[in-house]
Amino acid sequence: MVTYQDPLQSLEMDFLNSLDAIINLSSVFIQTTTAGKIN
């Protein structure tokens, strides 16, 4: 375990987390729009 915080690594983690959030949001959006089209 590394004790000090690597700025680049934390930035990378932030980026990955936001990427995850964006993917989740778009998948939810796609699901709702397709559900809306079907109904």
Protein backbone atom coordinates (compact mmCIF):
# COMPACT_ATOMS: atom_id res chain seq x y z
CA MET A 1 0.00 0.00 0.00
CA VAL A 2 1.37 3.40 -0.97
CA THR A 3 0.89 5.95 1.80
CA TYR A 4 1.37 9.15 -0.19
CA GLN A 5 -1.28 10.24 -2.66
CA ASP A 6 -0.15 10.28 -6.27
CA PRO A 7 -1.81 13.31 -7.92
CA LEU A 8 -1.80 11.67 -11.34
CA GLN A 9 -3.30 8.48 -9.95
CA SER A 10 -6.05 10.32 -8.10
CA LEU A 11 -6.78 12.29 -11.27
CA GLU A 12 -6.96 9.01 -13.17
CA MET A 13 -9.36 7.59 -10.58
CA ASP A 14 -11.53 10.71 -10.80
CA PHE A 15 -11.57 10.36 -14.58
CA LEU A 16 -12.52 6.69 -14.39
CA ASN A 17 -15.25 7.44 -11.85
CA SER A 18 -16.75 10.18 -14.02
CA LEU A 19 -16.48 7.89 -17.05
CA ASP A 20 -18.41 5.23 -15.09
CA ALA A 21 -21.04 7.79 -14.12
CA ILE A 22 -21.39 8.98 -17.73
CA ILE A 23 -21.74 5.39 -18.98
CA ASN A 24 -24.37 4.65 -16.32
CA LEU A 25 -26.30 7.82 -17.18
CA SER A 26 -26.25 7.13 -20.91
CA SER A 27 -27.34 3.51 -20.44
CA VAL A 28 -30.23 4.66 -18.23
CA PHE A 29 -31.10 7.31 -20.83
CA ILE A 30 -31.00 4.73 -23.65
CA GLN A 31 -33.16 2.33 -21.64
CA THR A 32 -35.78 5.00 -20.91
CA THR A 33 -35.87 6.22 -24.52
CA THR A 34 -36.21 2.70 -25.93
CA ALA A 35 -38.89 1.90 -23.34
CA GLY A 36 -40.67 5.11 -24.36
CA LYS A 37 -40.50 4.13 -28.03
CA ILE A 38 -41.88 0.64 -27.36
CA ASN A 39 -44.82 1.84 -25.25
